[in-house]
């Protein structure tokens, strides 16, 4: 029993040192892809009242070589995921092309630029991209989504992170109209 606890402590210290050594050592050039997370579920796992891991599944779009592609994913990370607000995207790269993506998550409460890597096991959708309209998630052919991207000069891989003249969402409850978070079929 004592030997197991001692071995676990040494392993824990080594993992902590490896994490500290990795913190802040990433380059945007190493993560050329972009991922927009629309929805996910999460289950948090704790060890001694400290967050140990979070796992779940969700839906997102991948932007690769100027093309959008929807995908479903499962994940297990050391930090919590967050839905991409508005048109924001996460930096990403392939770990296993077509099967596993690594995305960079900002460390909440960490130093500026401090990131954690999270692996997503993906199932790419065939000729489909996700979007939200009136708060509801839907899917459409990638060619239609790509047309919207071109019309609104939206290309997150190349720094065009905010669409030009996005369609306005209808006002609800007297609130001012808000930009839509994705293309709609009426444009």
Protein backbone atom coordinates (compact mmCIF):
# COMPACT_ATOMS: atom_id res chain seq x y z
CA UNK A 1 0.00 0.00 0.00
CA UNK A 2 2.74 2.47 0.98
CA UNK A 3 4.71 1.63 -2.17
CA UNK A 4 1.64 2.28 -4.37
CA UNK A 5 1.05 5.66 -2.74
CA UNK A 6 4.73 6.59 -3.16
CA UNK A 7 4.70 5.53 -6.82
CA UNK A 8 1.50 7.48 -7.42
CA UNK A 9 3.00 10.58 -5.81
CA UNK A 10 6.12 10.39 -7.98
CA UNK A 11 4.00 9.88 -11.09
CA UNK A 12 1.81 12.84 -10.11
CA UNK A 13 4.84 15.12 -9.66
CA UNK A 14 6.27 14.04 -13.03
CA UNK A 15 2.96 14.74 -14.77
CA UNK A 16 2.74 18.14 -13.08
CA UNK A 17 6.27 19.02 -14.21
CA UNK A 18 5.48 17.90 -17.76
CA UNK A 19 2.35 20.08 -17.75
CA UNK A 20 4.29 23.09 -16.48
CA UNK A 21 6.99 22.53 -19.11
CA UNK A 22 4.34 22.35 -21.87
CA UNK A 23 2.39 25.44 -20.70
CA UNK A 24 2.86 28.35 -23.05
CA UNK A 25 4.91 26.31 -25.55
CA UNK A 26 2.59 26.29 -28.52
CA UNK A 27 2.64 28.03 -31.84
CA UNK A 28 -0.37 29.04 -33.91
CA UNK A 29 1.54 27.76 -36.96
CA UNK A 30 1.36 24.26 -35.47
CA UNK A 31 -2.46 24.53 -35.30
CA UNK A 32 -3.50 25.64 -38.81
CA UNK A 33 -7.12 24.41 -38.61
CA UNK A 34 -10.08 26.03 -36.88
CA UNK A 35 -12.96 24.39 -34.98
CA UNK A 36 -16.27 26.00 -34.05
CA UNK A 37 -18.06 24.06 -31.28
CA UNK A 38 -21.85 24.39 -31.45
CA UNK A 39 -22.89 22.06 -28.65
CA UNK A 40 -21.58 19.41 -26.29
CA UNK A 41 -22.39 17.57 -23.12
CA UNK A 42 -19.95 17.05 -20.29
CA UNK A 43 -19.37 14.82 -17.31
CA UNK A 44 -16.77 16.03 -14.81
CA UNK A 45 -14.60 13.56 -12.89
CA UNK A 46 -12.98 14.59 -9.61
CA UNK A 47 -10.16 13.11 -7.58
CA UNK A 48 -9.81 14.38 -3.99
CA UNK A 49 -12.25 17.21 -4.81
CA UNK A 50 -10.07 18.47 -7.67
CA UNK A 51 -11.16 18.32 -11.31
CA UNK A 52 -9.33 15.39 -12.86
CA UNK A 53 -10.97 15.02 -16.29
CA UNK A 54 -14.03 15.98 -18.30
CA UNK A 55 -15.56 13.81 -21.00
CA UNK A 56 -18.54 13.99 -23.29
CA UNK A 57 -19.59 14.39 -26.90
CA UNK A 58 -20.73 17.17 -29.18
CA UNK A 59 -21.05 18.74 -32.63
CA UNK A 60 -18.80 21.21 -34.39
CA UNK A 61 -17.53 22.51 -37.72
CA UNK A 62 -13.96 22.08 -38.93
CA UNK A 63 -12.41 24.69 -41.23
CA UNK A 64 -9.66 23.11 -43.30
CA UNK A 65 -8.23 24.40 -46.60
CA UNK A 66 -10.98 27.02 -46.78
CA UNK A 67 -13.73 24.39 -46.59
CA UNK A 68 -16.27 23.90 -43.78
CA UNK A 69 -17.09 20.38 -42.66
CA UNK A 70 -19.42 19.30 -39.87
CA UNK A 71 -18.37 16.60 -37.43
CA UNK A 72 -19.55 14.82 -34.32
CA UNK A 73 -17.00 14.21 -31.58
CA UNK A 74 -16.28 12.62 -28.26
CA UNK A 75 -13.60 13.88 -25.92
CA UNK A 76 -11.80 13.49 -22.62
CA UNK A 77 -9.85 16.53 -21.47
CA UNK A 78 -8.17 17.87 -18.37
CA UNK A 79 -10.22 21.08 -18.69
CA UNK A 80 -13.80 21.98 -19.53
CA UNK A 81 -14.85 22.74 -23.10
CA UNK A 82 -16.86 25.83 -23.92
CA UNK A 83 -19.25 26.45 -26.81
CA UNK A 84 -17.70 28.82 -29.36
CA UNK A 85 -19.42 32.18 -28.84
CA UNK A 86 -20.55 34.04 -31.95
CA UNK A 87 -18.16 33.16 -34.77
CA UNK A 88 -15.09 32.39 -32.63
CA UNK A 89 -13.08 29.25 -33.29
CA UNK A 90 -10.48 27.15 -31.52
CA UNK A 91 -7.01 26.55 -32.98
CA UNK A 92 -6.73 22.91 -34.08
CA UNK A 93 -4.52 20.34 -35.79
CA UNK A 94 -4.89 16.75 -36.89
CA UNK A 95 -3.31 14.14 -34.60
CA UNK A 96 -4.68 11.28 -36.71
CA UNK A 97 -6.06 12.66 -39.99
CA UNK A 98 -9.78 12.11 -40.34
CA UNK A 99 -10.05 10.53 -36.87
CA UNK A 100 -8.55 12.67 -34.09
CA UNK A 101 -8.18 16.45 -33.72
CA UNK A 102 -6.28 18.35 -31.04
CA UNK A 103 -7.68 21.76 -30.11
CA UNK A 104 -6.16 24.42 -27.87
CA UNK A 105 -8.29 25.58 -24.95
CA UNK A 106 -7.41 28.78 -23.10
CA UNK A 107 -6.58 28.13 -19.45
CA UNK A 108 -9.24 29.91 -17.43
CA UNK A 109 -7.58 31.97 -14.73
CA UNK A 110 -4.18 31.21 -16.23
CA UNK A 111 -1.55 33.50 -17.63
CA UNK A 112 -2.26 35.19 -20.98
CA UNK A 113 -1.52 32.76 -23.80
CA UNK A 114 -1.58 29.73 -21.50
CA UNK A 115 -3.36 26.87 -23.26
CA UNK A 116 -4.35 23.24 -22.70
CA UNK A 117 -4.59 20.74 -25.53
CA UNK A 118 -7.75 18.63 -25.77
CA UNK A 119 -8.18 15.65 -28.09
CA UNK A 120 -11.42 15.11 -30.00
CA UNK A 121 -12.26 11.73 -31.56
CA UNK A 122 -14.19 12.82 -34.66
CA UNK A 123 -16.70 11.40 -37.09
CA UNK A 124 -16.74 13.67 -40.14
CA UNK A 125 -20.11 14.36 -41.74
CA UNK A 126 -20.36 13.74 -45.47
CA UNK A 127 -21.00 17.01 -47.37
CA UNK A 128 -22.59 18.65 -44.31
CA UNK A 129 -21.89 21.73 -42.19
CA UNK A 130 -23.70 22.76 -39.02
CA UNK A 131 -25.19 26.21 -38.38
CA UNK A 132 -27.54 27.92 -35.96
CA UNK A 133 -30.59 29.90 -37.01
CA UNK A 134 -33.02 31.47 -34.54
CA UNK A 135 -31.15 29.67 -31.75
CA UNK A 136 -31.71 26.22 -33.23
CA UNK A 137 -28.96 24.04 -34.66
CA UNK A 138 -29.37 22.66 -38.16
CA UNK A 139 -27.24 21.33 -40.99
CA UNK A 140 -26.90 22.15 -44.68
CA UNK A 141 -24.71 21.13 -47.63
CA UNK A 142 -21.13 22.35 -47.34
CA UNK A 143 -21.39 24.10 -50.74
CA UNK A 144 -24.25 26.28 -49.44
CA UNK A 145 -22.34 27.08 -46.24
CA UNK A 146 -19.21 27.86 -48.29
CA UNK A 147 -21.24 30.25 -50.48
CA UNK A 148 -22.33 32.05 -47.29
CA UNK A 149 -18.68 32.21 -46.15
CA UNK A 150 -17.64 33.80 -49.46
CA UNK A 151 -20.56 36.30 -49.48
CA UNK A 152 -19.74 37.39 -45.92
CA UNK A 153 -15.94 37.20 -46.21
CA UNK A 154 -15.72 34.68 -43.36
CA UNK A 155 -12.59 32.53 -43.34
CA UNK A 156 -11.34 31.82 -39.79
CA UNK A 157 -8.27 29.96 -41.06
CA UNK A 158 -6.98 33.21 -42.57
CA UNK A 159 -7.88 35.71 -39.86
CA UNK A 160 -11.33 36.65 -41.20
CA UNK A 161 -13.01 35.78 -37.90
CA UNK A 162 -16.06 38.02 -38.15
CA UNK A 163 -18.40 37.89 -41.15
CA UNK A 164 -19.06 41.13 -43.01
CA UNK A 165 -22.75 42.09 -42.87
CA UNK A 166 -24.00 38.94 -41.14
CA UNK A 167 -27.77 38.43 -41.37
CA UNK A 168 -29.66 39.83 -38.38
CA UNK A 169 -31.64 37.57 -36.08
CA UNK A 170 -35.21 38.77 -35.47
CA UNK A 171 -35.66 40.70 -32.24
CA UNK A 172 -37.18 38.75 -29.36
CA UNK A 173 -38.82 40.07 -26.20
CA UNK A 174 -38.21 43.67 -27.23
CA UNK A 175 -34.43 43.15 -27.39
CA UNK A 176 -32.48 44.63 -30.33
CA UNK A 177 -31.79 42.33 -33.27
CA UNK A 178 -28.56 40.32 -32.91
CA UNK A 179 -26.26 38.99 -35.64
CA UNK A 180 -26.93 35.37 -36.48
CA UNK A 181 -24.31 32.84 -35.45
CA UNK A 182 -24.44 31.09 -38.82
CA UNK A 183 -25.90 31.27 -42.30
CA UNK A 184 -29.59 30.93 -43.00
CA UNK A 185 -31.32 29.59 -46.05
CA UNK A 186 -33.13 32.90 -46.69
CA UNK A 187 -30.01 34.80 -47.71
